[in-house]
Every structure is written in structure tokens, then in C-alpha cells.
Amino acid sequence: MGILKELKVWRTIGSSAYRVYRYEGKLNLLENAALLLCWKEGDGFESKLMKAFLSTDISLSNEEILCYYSKRWDIETYFRTAKVQPAMDRYQVRSTQAIDRYLTLLMFSTLYYQYDSQGSLNDGLHHYRIQKKHDMIEYIYNQAKSEATLDQIKTWLSVA
């Protein structure tokens, strides 16, 4: 049977403080694991406000587990953003070569967006989308000035 320990002190990770409960013992198919149940300072102890962190390395301290997860979270959100925002989650690749090409394209596009905006990936994507809209409006305006018909513009934009 595992042991549930309440830590009487708040643990600060980054700029947030948490009340941490640690369980060590058997969890489903894991013979021995550490499970941290955490609530942010000031939040109630409702289950929907709880954050849970699992480690199979029980020698790690609570601070180490939470620190690793705080770094992992950045990685997870990066991949989520990198796949969903540029719509790269729509590709299915199976071969090693295709996976390498996909990751290369993903990394290159990330670097481009970040370099172009001098900020985060999200900032770069936002900047790119706004610039694309500006370019589209400018194109339509210039075509209208050169007396192109609405049907011609629609055809050139492939929306006819």
C-alpha cells in the first residue's frame, strides 16, 4: 500500500506557489511511482482545480518533479502550437525520411515565424496572418485601381 503525505509548506515553481500532496506506491501497472497532487495557492481543493504529476523515479524530490514538468510543459505546448497553428497536424507520414522532412519543415517554419516577429511562435504566426491579410487587401486594391473586373480578381485569387 502506498503512502500519501501532505506537505505543510507551499512549493514555489516559477512564479506560482502550490500546495503539494505526494503519493508513493503502486499505481495501476506501475509497481512504484510518485504522484503529486497540486493545487495553486489561493485555489480551493476542488478536483477540477487540481494538477497531477506522475514520476516513475521516486528518488526525485517534489521540487525536481515539478521543475521537470514545468520545462516539459513548454515543450508540449510548443509542439501543440507548431502542429495545429500552421495546420501541420493534417499531415500523415510513416517513413523515416518523411518524418525527417516533416520535422525539418516544422523547425524551419518555427524559426522563420519567430525571427520575423522577434517574439514567440504564436507572435510570429499572428504577425504572418496579419501581414497576409494586408497583402491580400493591397493586391485587390491595386487590381481594382488598374480597372480589373471583380470576376477577374476572383479568378486570380482562385475564389471564383
Protein backbone atom coordinates (compact mmCIF):
# COMPACT_ATOMS: atom_id res chain seq x y z
CA MET A 1 0.00 0.00 0.00
CA GLY A 2 1.28 3.46 -0.85
CA ILE A 3 1.82 6.43 1.39
CA LEU A 4 0.08 9.80 0.98
CA LYS A 5 1.99 12.69 2.51
CA GLU A 6 0.71 16.23 2.86
CA LEU A 7 3.39 18.83 2.66
CA LYS A 8 2.60 21.63 5.07
CA VAL A 9 4.53 24.21 3.07
CA TRP A 10 3.83 25.86 -0.23
CA ARG A 11 6.20 24.94 -3.05
CA THR A 12 7.06 27.71 -5.46
CA ILE A 13 7.61 26.73 -9.09
CA GLY A 14 8.38 29.66 -11.34
CA SER A 15 6.15 32.48 -10.14
CA SER A 16 3.37 30.24 -8.77
CA ALA A 17 3.03 28.60 -5.36
CA TYR A 18 1.34 25.20 -4.87
CA ARG A 19 0.13 23.02 -2.02
CA VAL A 20 1.54 19.58 -2.77
CA TYR A 21 0.42 16.11 -1.70
CA ARG A 22 2.71 13.23 -2.61
CA TYR A 23 1.65 9.61 -3.03
CA GLU A 24 4.28 6.89 -3.38
CA GLY A 25 3.38 3.33 -4.21
CA LYS A 26 1.70 1.09 -6.76
CA LEU A 27 -0.38 2.82 -9.43
CA ASN A 28 -2.19 0.54 -11.88
CA LEU A 29 0.59 -1.27 -13.75
CA LEU A 30 3.42 0.73 -12.14
CA GLU A 31 4.98 -1.09 -9.20
CA ASN A 32 6.33 2.06 -7.61
CA ALA A 33 5.69 5.64 -8.65
CA ALA A 34 5.39 9.10 -7.18
CA LEU A 35 2.19 11.01 -7.80
CA LEU A 36 1.98 14.68 -6.90
CA LEU A 37 -1.43 16.25 -6.43
CA CYS A 38 -1.15 20.03 -6.50
CA TRP A 39 -3.44 22.99 -6.00
CA LYS A 40 -2.41 26.55 -6.79
CA GLU A 41 -2.12 28.89 -3.84
CA GLY A 42 -5.46 30.51 -3.11
CA ASP A 43 -7.47 27.91 -5.04
CA GLY A 44 -9.84 25.59 -3.25
CA PHE A 45 -9.26 21.86 -3.09
CA GLU A 46 -11.74 21.07 -5.85
CA SER A 47 -10.74 18.23 -8.17
CA LYS A 48 -11.18 20.37 -11.29
CA LEU A 49 -8.54 22.80 -9.95
CA MET A 50 -6.05 20.03 -9.17
CA LYS A 51 -2.93 19.38 -11.23
CA ALA A 52 -1.46 15.89 -11.08
CA PHE A 53 2.13 14.93 -11.94
CA LEU A 54 3.46 11.38 -12.21
CA SER A 55 7.05 10.25 -11.94
CA THR A 56 8.38 6.71 -12.15
CA ASP A 57 11.59 7.93 -10.49
CA ILE A 58 10.64 8.09 -6.82
CA SER A 59 14.11 9.30 -5.85
CA LEU A 60 13.25 12.73 -7.29
CA SER A 61 12.12 15.39 -4.85
CA ASN A 62 8.81 17.15 -5.32
CA GLU A 63 10.65 20.25 -6.48
CA GLU A 64 12.59 18.26 -9.09
CA ILE A 65 9.44 16.59 -10.44
CA LEU A 66 7.58 19.90 -10.68
CA CYS A 67 10.61 21.63 -12.22
CA TYR A 68 10.92 18.90 -14.90
CA TYR A 69 7.21 19.15 -15.68
CA SER A 70 7.38 22.94 -15.90
CA LYS A 71 10.04 22.58 -18.61
CA ARG A 72 8.19 19.72 -20.28
CA TRP A 73 5.04 21.85 -20.44
CA ASP A 74 6.89 24.40 -22.62
CA ILE A 75 7.92 21.60 -24.96
CA GLU A 76 4.40 20.14 -25.11
CA THR A 77 2.77 23.50 -25.82
CA TYR A 78 5.39 24.25 -28.47
CA PHE A 79 4.63 21.04 -30.35
CA ARG A 80 0.89 21.60 -29.99
CA THR A 81 1.20 25.12 -31.37
CA ALA A 82 3.67 24.08 -34.07
CA LYS A 83 1.38 21.32 -35.29
CA VAL A 84 -2.04 22.94 -35.00
CA GLN A 85 -1.47 26.61 -35.83
CA PRO A 86 0.33 26.16 -39.18
CA ALA A 87 -2.05 23.23 -39.86
CA MET A 88 0.81 20.76 -39.89
CA ASP A 89 -1.28 18.32 -37.86
CA ARG A 90 -3.06 17.38 -41.08
CA TYR A 91 -0.06 15.51 -42.47
CA GLN A 92 0.40 11.80 -42.03
CA VAL A 93 3.89 10.46 -42.56
CA ARG A 94 5.21 6.97 -41.94
CA SER A 95 8.71 6.61 -43.36
CA THR A 96 11.80 7.79 -41.53
CA GLN A 97 12.69 10.06 -44.44
CA ALA A 98 9.21 11.63 -44.44
CA ILE A 99 9.38 12.18 -40.66
CA ASP A 100 12.81 13.82 -41.00
CA ARG A 101 11.50 16.10 -43.75
CA TYR A 102 8.38 16.93 -41.72
CA LEU A 103 10.43 17.84 -38.63
CA THR A 104 12.86 19.89 -40.72
CA LEU A 105 9.97 21.83 -42.24
CA LEU A 106 8.39 22.27 -38.82
CA MET A 107 11.61 23.60 -37.27
CA PHE A 108 12.35 25.87 -40.22
CA SER A 109 8.86 27.38 -40.17
CA THR A 110 9.11 27.89 -36.40
CA LEU A 111 12.44 29.69 -36.75
CA TYR A 112 11.06 31.82 -39.58
CA TYR A 113 7.97 32.88 -37.63
CA GLN A 114 9.99 33.66 -34.51
CA TYR A 115 12.72 35.53 -36.40
CA ASP A 116 10.20 37.52 -38.42
CA SER A 117 8.26 38.66 -35.34
CA GLN A 118 11.23 38.88 -32.94
CA GLY A 119 9.00 37.03 -30.45
CA SER A 120 7.39 33.69 -29.78
CA LEU A 121 5.98 31.22 -32.28
CA ASN A 122 2.46 32.49 -31.55
CA ASP A 123 3.60 36.10 -32.07
CA GLY A 124 5.17 35.10 -35.39
CA LEU A 125 2.07 33.28 -36.59
CA HIS A 126 -0.12 36.23 -35.60
CA HIS A 127 2.21 38.66 -37.40
CA TYR A 128 2.27 36.43 -40.51
CA ARG A 129 -1.54 36.18 -40.68
CA ILE A 130 -2.00 39.92 -40.31
CA GLN A 131 0.64 40.56 -42.98
CA LYS A 132 -1.08 38.08 -45.30
CA LYS A 133 -4.38 39.94 -44.90
CA HIS A 134 -2.66 43.28 -45.57
CA ASP A 135 -1.02 41.86 -48.70
CA MET A 136 -4.36 40.50 -49.93
CA ILE A 137 -6.12 43.84 -49.41
CA GLU A 138 -3.28 45.68 -51.13
CA TYR A 139 -3.39 43.27 -54.09
CA ILE A 140 -7.16 43.67 -54.50
CA TYR A 141 -6.86 47.45 -54.20
CA ASN A 142 -4.12 47.61 -56.84
CA GLN A 143 -6.05 45.35 -59.20
CA ALA A 144 -9.17 47.47 -58.78
CA LYS A 145 -7.10 50.63 -59.48
CA SER A 146 -5.84 49.06 -62.69
CA GLU A 147 -9.51 48.56 -63.67
CA ALA A 148 -9.59 44.78 -63.33
CA THR A 149 -13.10 43.45 -63.04
CA LEU A 150 -14.36 41.77 -59.88
CA ASP A 151 -14.66 38.46 -61.77
CA GLN A 152 -11.03 38.72 -62.94
CA ILE A 153 -9.82 39.38 -59.39
CA LYS A 154 -11.85 36.42 -58.08
CA THR A 155 -10.37 34.20 -60.79
CA TRP A 156 -6.80 35.32 -59.99
CA LEU A 157 -7.41 34.64 -56.31
CA SER A 158 -8.97 31.24 -57.14
CA VAL A 159 -12.22 32.10 -55.36
CA ALA A 160 -14.45 32.26 -58.45
